[in-house]
C-alpha atoms as a PDB file:
ATOM      1  CA  MET A   1     -15.681  -5.908  -9.183  1.00  0.00           C
ATOM      2  CA  TYR A   2     -14.886  -2.365  -7.763  1.00  0.00           C
ATOM      3  CA  THR A   3     -11.400  -1.149  -9.098  1.00  0.00           C
ATOM      4  CA  ALA A   4      -8.927   1.486  -7.953  1.00  0.00           C
ATOM      5  CA  LEU A   5      -5.714   2.678  -9.426  1.00  0.00           C
ATOM      6  CA  THR A   6      -2.384   3.792  -7.207  1.00  0.00           C
ATOM      7  CA  ILE A   7      -0.199   6.099  -8.284  1.00  0.00           C
ATOM      8  CA  ALA A   8       2.943   5.912  -5.883  1.00  0.00           C
ATOM      9  CA  GLY A   9       6.603   4.443  -4.900  1.00  0.00           C
ATOM     10  CA  SER A  10       7.943   1.203  -4.162  1.00  0.00           C
ATOM     11  CA  ASP A  11       8.984   0.063  -0.921  1.00  0.00           C
ATOM     12  CA  SER A  12      11.266  -2.885  -0.706  1.00  0.00           C
ATOM     13  CA  CYS A  13      10.259  -4.319   2.401  1.00  0.00           C
ATOM     14  CA  GLY A  14       6.804  -3.993   1.480  1.00  0.00           C
ATOM     15  CA  GLY A  15       5.674  -1.931   4.229  1.00  0.00           C
ATOM     16  CA  ALA A  16       4.743   1.105   2.275  1.00  0.00           C
ATOM     17  CA  GLY A  17       3.751   2.654  -0.930  1.00  0.00           C
ATOM     18  CA  ILE A  18       2.789   0.767  -3.551  1.00  0.00           C
ATOM     19  CA  GLN A  19       2.996  -2.604  -2.002  1.00  0.00           C
ATOM     20  CA  ALA A  20       1.124  -1.115   1.253  1.00  0.00           C
ATOM     21  CA  ASP A  21      -1.537   0.194  -1.205  1.00  0.00           C
ATOM     22  CA  ILE A  22      -1.913  -3.107  -2.846  1.00  0.00           C
ATOM     23  CA  LYS A  23      -2.366  -5.184  -0.025  1.00  0.00           C
ATOM     24  CA  THR A  24      -4.941  -2.645   1.524  1.00  0.00           C
ATOM     25  CA  MET A  25      -7.288  -2.557  -1.485  1.00  0.00           C
ATOM     26  CA  THR A  26      -7.291  -6.300  -1.269  1.00  0.00           C
ATOM     27  CA  ALA A  27      -8.239  -6.571   1.981  1.00  0.00           C
ATOM     28  CA  MET A  28     -11.083  -3.704   1.182  1.00  0.00           C
ATOM     29  CA  GLY A  29     -12.458  -6.037  -1.529  1.00  0.00           C
ATOM     30  CA  VAL A  30     -11.257  -3.795  -4.103  1.00  0.00           C
ATOM     31  CA  TYR A  31      -9.050  -4.757  -7.363  1.00  0.00           C
ATOM     32  CA  ALA A  32      -6.046  -2.697  -7.252  1.00  0.00           C
ATOM     33  CA  SER A  33      -3.705  -1.676  -9.872  1.00  0.00           C
ATOM     34  CA  CYS A  34      -0.848   0.256 -10.261  1.00  0.00           C
ATOM     35  CA  CYS A  35       1.713   2.859 -11.640  1.00  0.00           C
ATOM     36  CA  ILE A  36       5.067   2.898  -9.823  1.00  0.00           C
ATOM     37  CA  CYS A  37       6.483   6.545 -10.017  1.00  0.00           C
ATOM     38  CA  ALA A  38       9.933   5.466  -8.137  1.00  0.00           C
ATOM     39  CA  ILE A  39      11.403   2.756  -6.635  1.00  0.00           C
ATOM     40  CA  THR A  40      12.866   3.500  -3.396  1.00  0.00           C
ATOM     41  CA  VAL A  41      16.105   1.377  -1.563  1.00  0.00           C
ATOM     42  CA  GLN A  42      14.624   0.683   2.200  1.00  0.00           C
ATOM     43  CA  ASN A  43      14.244  -1.031   5.174  1.00  0.00           C
ATOM     44  CA  THR A  44      12.320  -0.489   8.428  1.00  0.00           C
ATOM     45  CA  THR A  45      15.317   1.229   9.379  1.00  0.00           C
ATOM     46  CA  GLY A  46      14.965   3.937   6.792  1.00  0.00           C
ATOM     47  CA  VAL A  47      15.436   4.901   2.863  1.00  0.00           C
ATOM     48  CA  GLN A  48      19.132   3.989   1.581  1.00  0.00           C
ATOM     49  CA  GLY A  49      18.354   5.646  -2.002  1.00  0.00           C
ATOM     50  CA  ILE A  50      15.423   6.795  -4.412  1.00  0.00           C
ATOM     51  CA  LEU A  51      15.369   5.685  -8.101  1.00  0.00           C
ATOM     52  CA  GLU A  52      13.033   8.190 -10.029  1.00  0.00           C
ATOM     53  CA  VAL A  53      10.814   6.873 -13.018  1.00  0.00           C
ATOM     54  CA  GLU A  54      11.275   8.957 -16.401  1.00  0.00           C
ATOM     55  CA  GLU A  55       7.654  10.319 -16.630  1.00  0.00           C
ATOM     56  CA  GLY A  56       7.466   9.834 -20.272  1.00  0.00           C
ATOM     57  CA  PHE A  57       7.141   5.894 -18.740  1.00  0.00           C
ATOM     58  CA  VAL A  58       5.061   7.124 -16.482  1.00  0.00           C
ATOM     59  CA  LYS A  59       2.549   8.471 -18.442  1.00  0.00           C
ATOM     60  CA  GLU A  60       2.652   5.177 -20.545  1.00  0.00           C
ATOM     61  CA  GLN A  61       1.762   3.329 -17.029  1.00  0.00           C
ATOM     62  CA  LEU A  62      -1.574   5.539 -16.301  1.00  0.00           C
ATOM     63  CA  ASP A  63      -2.595   5.075 -20.312  1.00  0.00           C
ATOM     64  CA  SER A  64      -2.466   1.154 -20.046  1.00  0.00           C
ATOM     65  CA  VAL A  65      -4.286   1.052 -16.810  1.00  0.00           C
ATOM     66  CA  PHE A  66      -7.214   3.965 -17.917  1.00  0.00           C
ATOM     67  CA  SER A  67      -7.504   2.500 -21.285  1.00  0.00           C
ATOM     68  CA  ASP A  68      -8.230  -1.418 -20.236  1.00  0.00           C
ATOM     69  CA  ILE A  69      -9.259  -1.686 -16.203  1.00  0.00           C
ATOM     70  CA  PHE A  70     -10.616   2.432 -15.920  1.00  0.00           C
ATOM     71  CA  PRO A  71     -10.688   3.047 -11.717  1.00  0.00           C
ATOM     72  CA  ASP A  72     -13.816   3.126  -9.806  1.00  0.00           C
ATOM     73  CA  ALA A  73     -10.833   5.404  -7.621  1.00  0.00           C
ATOM     74  CA  VAL A  74      -7.453   6.930  -7.740  1.00  0.00           C
ATOM     75  CA  LYS A  75      -5.053   6.738  -4.392  1.00  0.00           C
ATOM     76  CA  ILE A  76      -1.828   8.805  -4.992  1.00  0.00           C
ATOM     77  CA  GLY A  77       1.183   8.820  -2.890  1.00  0.00           C
ATOM     78  CA  MET A  78       4.804   9.571  -3.509  1.00  0.00           C
ATOM     79  CA  LEU A  79       5.457  11.376  -6.480  1.00  0.00           C
ATOM     80  CA  SER A  80       8.743  12.846  -5.956  1.00  0.00           C
ATOM     81  CA  ASN A  81       9.525  15.415  -8.604  1.00  0.00           C
ATOM     82  CA  SER A  82       7.327  17.971 -10.522  1.00  0.00           C
ATOM     83  CA  LYS A  83       7.921  16.058 -13.592  1.00  0.00           C
ATOM     84  CA  ILE A  84       6.218  13.105 -12.201  1.00  0.00           C
ATOM     85  CA  ILE A  85       3.480  15.331 -10.449  1.00  0.00           C
ATOM     86  CA  GLU A  86       2.938  17.424 -14.254  1.00  0.00           C
ATOM     87  CA  ALA A  87       2.117  13.482 -15.771  1.00  0.00           C
ATOM     88  CA  VAL A  88      -0.144  12.708 -13.477  1.00  0.00           C
ATOM     89  CA  ARG A  89      -2.063  15.586 -13.450  1.00  0.00           C
ATOM     90  CA  ASP A  90      -2.111  15.332 -17.254  1.00  0.00           C
ATOM     91  CA  ARG A  91      -3.087  12.228 -17.315  1.00  0.00           C
ATOM     92  CA  LEU A  92      -5.647  12.323 -14.348  1.00  0.00           C
ATOM     93  CA  ASP A  93      -7.461  15.308 -16.535  1.00  0.00           C
ATOM     94  CA  PHE A  94      -7.346  13.427 -19.659  1.00  0.00           C
ATOM     95  CA  TYR A  95      -9.128  10.832 -18.472  1.00  0.00           C
ATOM     96  CA  ASN A  96     -11.419  12.501 -16.392  1.00  0.00           C
ATOM     97  CA  ALA A  97     -10.301  10.266 -13.289  1.00  0.00           C
ATOM     98  CA  LYS A  98     -12.842  10.334 -10.336  1.00  0.00           C
ATOM     99  CA  ASN A  99     -12.542   9.532  -6.539  1.00  0.00           C
ATOM    100  CA  VAL A 100      -8.932  10.848  -6.598  1.00  0.00           C
ATOM    101  CA  VAL A 101      -7.584  10.725  -3.185  1.00  0.00           C
ATOM    102  CA  VAL A 102      -3.767  12.331  -2.618  1.00  0.00           C
ATOM    103  CA  ASP A 103      -1.816  11.522   0.188  1.00  0.00           C
ATOM    104  CA  PRO A 104       0.720  14.760  -0.403  1.00  0.00           C
ATOM    105  CA  VAL A 105       3.551  12.482   0.986  1.00  0.00           C
ATOM    106  CA  MET A 106       6.786  14.656   1.685  1.00  0.00           C
ATOM    107  CA  VAL A 107       8.854  12.470   4.192  1.00  0.00           C
ATOM    108  CA  SER A 108       8.972   9.155   5.204  1.00  0.00           C
ATOM    109  CA  THR A 109       7.916   7.575   8.649  1.00  0.00           C
ATOM    110  CA  SER A 110      11.909   7.408   9.269  1.00  0.00           C
ATOM    111  CA  GLY A 111      12.301  11.152   8.414  1.00  0.00           C
ATOM    112  CA  HIS A 112      13.862  10.921   4.868  1.00  0.00           C
ATOM    113  CA  LYS A 113      12.774  13.554   2.489  1.00  0.00           C
ATOM    114  CA  LEU A 114      10.945  12.018  -0.308  1.00  0.00           C
ATOM    115  CA  LEU A 115       9.570  14.938  -2.193  1.00  0.00           C
ATOM    116  CA  ALA A 116      11.883  17.504  -3.560  1.00  0.00           C
ATOM    117  CA  ASP A 117      11.599  21.579  -2.147  1.00  0.00           C
ATOM    118  CA  GLU A 118      10.943  22.259  -6.036  1.00  0.00           C
ATOM    119  CA  ALA A 119       8.009  20.089  -6.255  1.00  0.00           C
ATOM    120  CA  ILE A 120       5.959  21.097  -3.331  1.00  0.00           C
ATOM    121  CA  THR A 121       4.738  24.392  -5.312  1.00  0.00           C
ATOM    122  CA  THR A 122       3.322  22.066  -8.006  1.00  0.00           C
ATOM    123  CA  LEU A 123       1.703  19.595  -6.032  1.00  0.00           C
ATOM    124  CA  LYS A 124       0.377  21.992  -4.149  1.00  0.00           C
ATOM    125  CA  ASN A 125      -1.066  24.235  -7.375  1.00  0.00           C
ATOM    126  CA  LYS A 126      -1.053  20.770  -9.793  1.00  0.00           C
ATOM    127  CA  LEU A 127      -2.631  18.147  -7.793  1.00  0.00           C
ATOM    128  CA  LEU A 128      -4.517  18.951  -4.878  1.00  0.00           C
ATOM    129  CA  LYS A 129      -6.798  20.972  -6.883  1.00  0.00           C
ATOM    130  CA  GLU A 130      -6.989  17.409  -8.516  1.00  0.00           C
ATOM    131  CA  GLY A 131      -8.339  15.620  -5.485  1.00  0.00           C
ATOM    132  CA  THR A 132     -11.448  14.870  -4.050  1.00  0.00           C
ATOM    133  CA  VAL A 133      -9.793  14.520  -0.729  1.00  0.00           C
ATOM    134  CA  THR A 134      -6.252  14.989   0.765  1.00  0.00           C
ATOM    135  CA  THR A 135      -4.985  13.297   3.719  1.00  0.00           C
ATOM    136  CA  PRO A 136      -2.285  15.117   4.966  1.00  0.00           C
ATOM    137  CA  ASN A 137      -0.376  14.548   8.459  1.00  0.00           C
ATOM    138  CA  ILE A 138       0.622  17.482  10.871  1.00  0.00           C
ATOM    139  CA  PRO A 139       3.708  18.268   9.474  1.00  0.00           C
ATOM    140  CA  GLU A 140       2.264  18.252   5.979  1.00  0.00           C
ATOM    141  CA  ALA A 141      -0.184  20.293   7.053  1.00  0.00           C
ATOM    142  CA  GLU A 142       1.331  22.581   8.223  1.00  0.00           C
ATOM    143  CA  VAL A 143       3.485  22.577   4.764  1.00  0.00           C
ATOM    144  CA  LEU A 144       0.236  23.429   2.322  1.00  0.00           C
ATOM    145  CA  SER A 145      -1.616  25.495   5.011  1.00  0.00           C
ATOM    146  CA  GLY A 146       1.464  28.014   6.493  1.00  0.00           C
ATOM    147  CA  ILE A 147       0.162  27.551   9.546  1.00  0.00           C
ATOM    148  CA  THR A 148       2.000  25.947  13.084  1.00  0.00           C
ATOM    149  CA  ILE A 149      -0.623  23.351  14.554  1.00  0.00           C
ATOM    150  CA  GLN A 150      -0.199  22.675  18.190  1.00  0.00           C
ATOM    151  CA  SER A 151      -3.864  22.009  19.283  1.00  0.00           C
ATOM    152  CA  SER A 152      -7.288  20.641  17.833  1.00  0.00           C
ATOM    153  CA  GLU A 153      -8.475  24.205  16.886  1.00  0.00           C
ATOM    154  CA  ASP A 154      -5.448  24.625  15.054  1.00  0.00           C
ATOM    155  CA  MET A 155      -5.790  21.167  13.188  1.00  0.00           C
ATOM    156  CA  VAL A 156      -9.254  22.532  11.897  1.00  0.00           C
ATOM    157  CA  ASN A 157      -8.210  26.221  10.730  1.00  0.00           C
ATOM    158  CA  ALA A 158      -5.594  24.311   8.552  1.00  0.00           C
ATOM    159  CA  ALA A 159      -8.082  22.081   7.169  1.00  0.00           C
ATOM    160  CA  LYS A 160     -10.098  25.424   6.586  1.00  0.00           C
ATOM    161  CA  ILE A 161      -7.225  27.168   4.546  1.00  0.00           C
ATOM    162  CA  ILE A 162      -6.154  23.892   2.771  1.00  0.00           C
ATOM    163  CA  HIS A 163      -9.947  23.668   1.305  1.00  0.00           C
ATOM    164  CA  GLU A 164     -10.424  27.135   0.545  1.00  0.00           C
ATOM    165  CA  ARG A 165      -6.872  27.225  -1.342  1.00  0.00           C
ATOM    166  CA  TYR A 166      -7.366  24.112  -3.169  1.00  0.00           C
ATOM    167  CA  GLY A 167     -10.864  23.101  -3.032  1.00  0.00           C
ATOM    168  CA  CYS A 168     -10.727  19.652  -1.877  1.00  0.00           C
ATOM    169  CA  THR A 169     -12.189  17.711   1.008  1.00  0.00           C
ATOM    170  CA  VAL A 170      -9.202  17.835   3.727  1.00  0.00           C
ATOM    171  CA  LEU A 171      -8.384  15.032   6.254  1.00  0.00           C
ATOM    172  CA  VAL A 172      -6.199  16.256   8.583  1.00  0.00           C
ATOM    173  CA  LYS A 173      -4.791  13.449  10.624  1.00  0.00           C
ATOM    174  CA  GLY A 174      -3.604  13.973  14.571  1.00  0.00           C
ATOM    175  CA  GLY A 175      -1.342  10.947  14.709  1.00  0.00           C
ATOM    176  CA  HIS A 176       1.881  12.354  15.052  1.00  0.00           C
ATOM    177  CA  GLY A 177       0.939  13.916  18.553  1.00  0.00           C
ATOM    178  CA  ILE A 178      -1.488  16.808  19.077  1.00  0.00           C
ATOM    179  CA  ASP A 179      -2.852  14.808  22.550  1.00  0.00           C
ATOM    180  CA  ASP A 180      -3.317  11.196  23.741  1.00  0.00           C
ATOM    181  CA  THR A 181      -5.953  10.393  21.250  1.00  0.00           C
ATOM    182  CA  ALA A 182      -5.412   9.709  17.331  1.00  0.00           C
ATOM    183  CA  ARG A 183      -7.950  12.562  16.360  1.00  0.00           C
ATOM    184  CA  ASP A 184      -7.983  13.024  12.765  1.00  0.00           C
ATOM    185  CA  TYR A 185     -10.373  16.165  11.322  1.00  0.00           C
ATOM    186  CA  LEU A 186     -12.534  16.009   8.058  1.00  0.00           C
ATOM    187  CA  TYR A 187     -13.668  19.451   6.736  1.00  0.00           C
ATOM    188  CA  ASN A 188     -15.414  20.923   3.599  1.00  0.00           C
ATOM    189  CA  ASP A 189     -18.517  23.524   3.268  1.00  0.00           C
ATOM    190  CA  ASN A 190     -20.525  20.475   4.080  1.00  0.00           C
ATOM    191  CA  ILE A 191     -18.573  18.596   6.588  1.00  0.00           C
ATOM    192  CA  SER A 192     -16.681  18.874   9.739  1.00  0.00           C
ATOM    193  CA  ARG A 193     -16.098  15.984  11.890  1.00  0.00           C
ATOM    194  CA  TRP A 194     -14.046  14.507  13.846  1.00  0.00           C
ATOM    195  CA  TYR A 195     -12.868  10.933  14.180  1.00  0.00           C
ATOM    196  CA  GLU A 196     -11.512   9.623  17.193  1.00  0.00           C
ATOM    197  CA  SER A 197      -9.820   6.520  18.174  1.00  0.00           C
ATOM    198  CA  ASN A 198      -7.546   5.406  20.400  1.00  0.00           C
ATOM    199  CA  ARG A 199      -3.373   5.460  20.147  1.00  0.00           C
ATOM    200  CA  VAL A 200      -2.023   2.309  20.013  1.00  0.00           C
ATOM    201  CA  ASP A 201       0.961   1.834  22.026  1.00  0.00           C
ATOM    202  CA  THR A 202       3.440   0.699  19.302  1.00  0.00           C
ATOM    203  CA  GLU A 203       6.508   1.976  17.320  1.00  0.00           C
ATOM    204  CA  ASN A 204       5.576  -0.198  14.288  1.00  0.00           C
ATOM    205  CA  THR A 205       3.696   2.325  12.007  1.00  0.00           C
ATOM    206  CA  HIS A 206       5.592   2.358   8.573  1.00  0.00           C
ATOM    207  CA  GLY A 207       2.789   2.840   5.712  1.00  0.00           C
ATOM    208  CA  THR A 208       0.242   3.933   8.408  1.00  0.00           C
ATOM    209  CA  GLY A 209      -0.258   6.969   5.813  1.00  0.00           C
ATOM    210  CA  CYS A 210      -0.469   5.069   2.763  1.00  0.00           C
ATOM    211  CA  THR A 211      -2.815   2.681   4.369  1.00  0.00           C
ATOM    212  CA  LEU A 212      -5.053   5.201   5.102  1.00  0.00           C
ATOM    213  CA  SER A 213      -5.573   6.735   2.045  1.00  0.00           C
ATOM    214  CA  SER A 214      -5.779   4.141   0.395  1.00  0.00           C
ATOM    215  CA  ALA A 215      -8.572   2.602   2.473  1.00  0.00           C
ATOM    216  CA  ILE A 216     -10.163   5.610   1.711  1.00  0.00           C
ATOM    217  CA  ALA A 217      -9.889   5.148  -2.157  1.00  0.00           C
ATOM    218  CA  SER A 218     -11.128   1.811  -1.681  1.00  0.00           C
ATOM    219  CA  GLY A 219     -14.044   2.887   0.370  1.00  0.00           C
ATOM    220  CA  LEU A 220     -14.905   5.822  -2.291  1.00  0.00           C
ATOM    221  CA  ALA A 221     -14.545   3.193  -5.153  1.00  0.00           C
ATOM    222  CA  LYS A 222     -17.570   1.049  -3.518  1.00  0.00           C
ATOM    223  CA  GLY A 223     -19.523   4.210  -3.445  1.00  0.00           C
ATOM    224  CA  GLU A 224     -19.138   5.069   0.075  1.00  0.00           C
ATOM    225  CA  SER A 225     -19.565   8.700   1.269  1.00  0.00           C
ATOM    226  CA  ILE A 226     -16.491  10.467   1.808  1.00  0.00           C
ATOM    227  CA  GLU A 227     -17.744  10.021   5.561  1.00  0.00           C
ATOM    228  CA  LEU A 228     -18.278   6.553   5.471  1.00  0.00           C
ATOM    229  CA  ALA A 229     -15.327   5.572   3.560  1.00  0.00           C
ATOM    230  CA  VAL A 230     -12.905   7.805   6.302  1.00  0.00           C
ATOM    231  CA  GLU A 231     -14.592   6.125   9.014  1.00  0.00           C
ATOM    232  CA  ASN A 232     -14.279   2.433   7.485  1.00  0.00           C
ATOM    233  CA  ALA A 233     -10.319   3.543   6.812  1.00  0.00           C
ATOM    234  CA  LYS A 234      -9.947   3.986  10.071  1.00  0.00           C
ATOM    235  CA  SER A 235     -11.616   1.081  11.537  1.00  0.00           C
ATOM    236  CA  TYR A 236      -9.442  -0.857   8.720  1.00  0.00           C
ATOM    237  CA  LEU A 237      -5.978   0.627  10.626  1.00  0.00           C
ATOM    238  CA  GLN A 238      -6.681   0.863  13.910  1.00  0.00           C
ATOM    239  CA  GLY A 239      -7.205  -3.151  13.677  1.00  0.00           C
ATOM    240  CA  ALA A 240      -4.228  -3.324  11.358  1.00  0.00           C
ATOM    241  CA  LEU A 241      -2.270  -1.660  14.144  1.00  0.00           C
ATOM    242  CA  GLU A 242      -4.055  -3.445  17.177  1.00  0.00           C
ATOM    243  CA  ALA A 243      -2.241  -6.883  15.802  1.00  0.00           C
ATOM    244  CA  LYS A 244       0.703  -5.710  16.801  1.00  0.00           C
ATOM    245  CA  LEU A 245       3.050  -7.637  13.739  1.00  0.00           C
ATOM    246  CA  ASN A 246       6.602  -7.387  14.894  1.00  0.00           C
ATOM    247  CA  LEU A 247       9.079  -7.088  11.881  1.00  0.00           C
ATOM    248  CA  GLY A 248      12.440  -5.527  11.206  1.00  0.00           C
ATOM    249  CA  LYS A 249      14.975  -3.295  13.644  1.00  0.00           C
ATOM    250  CA  GLY A 250      13.101  -0.160  13.359  1.00  0.00           C
ATOM    251  CA  ASN A 251       9.719   1.442  12.769  1.00  0.00           C
ATOM    252  CA  GLY A 252       8.172  -1.786  11.426  1.00  0.00           C
ATOM    253  CA  PRO A 253       5.234  -2.125   8.915  1.00  0.00           C
ATOM    254  CA  ILE A 254       1.961  -2.820  10.102  1.00  0.00           C
ATOM    255  CA  ASP A 255      -0.596  -6.219   9.562  1.00  0.00           C
ATOM    256  CA  HIS A 256      -2.444  -5.307   6.358  1.00  0.00           C
ATOM    257  CA  LEU A 257      -4.181  -8.780   6.494  1.00  0.00           C
ATOM    258  CA  TRP A 258      -5.221  -8.709  10.122  1.00  0.00           C
ATOM    259  CA  LYS A 259      -8.961  -9.317   9.211  1.00  0.00           C
ATOM    260  CA  MET A 260      -7.686 -12.628   7.254  1.00  0.00           C
END
């Protein structure tokens, strides 16, 4: 069976983070293992607290997984501080991890900061260069590229800048409202492709970024090309949004098990 590892934070309401990743990987037909880097107190209305895991314990989790069930792909989400980022980078290098999808999580759907300012530079210089593909949304792509994104052309330029700086394939996600469609742009030296889907009229979008990156990692774990993995991940996410699960008082979760 194909395997994937998620390295991220835990979401107590189950819609994002480790919980969303495991649901997604399972739904995509991949066995999921995990390394928890932070425990969050959160629900659909926001994040009330974060407890970071000590970086040495992060390393121990990764050693335990890599030495026993070596993952065919790795998804990286919320890491929160520089020491954790460096610990993850160290273990990825040591085990020569493959098919690494980096979701550069900086802010939650509700607007809560999830990455310390001092860690952004570490994320850029020590983690993105380890990635096979990175999946920034528009605000994250602005931080990584240093440009303002207000159009499709800006998305293309940002993707090119990020790729040139860090060497990874870049998927800039357009779900934050460039236009009325949910257009994502994939770029590397050999690929320049738009993915288009209809924007779903729903406020229940908690965990969409985690879900998409985990679905891409699942596809890579199964041996799919980056282009096909993104296509299939987009299709899975579209179905999860269109199911219009309605839970909680705020930005509710999507239906990860819509196929079932």
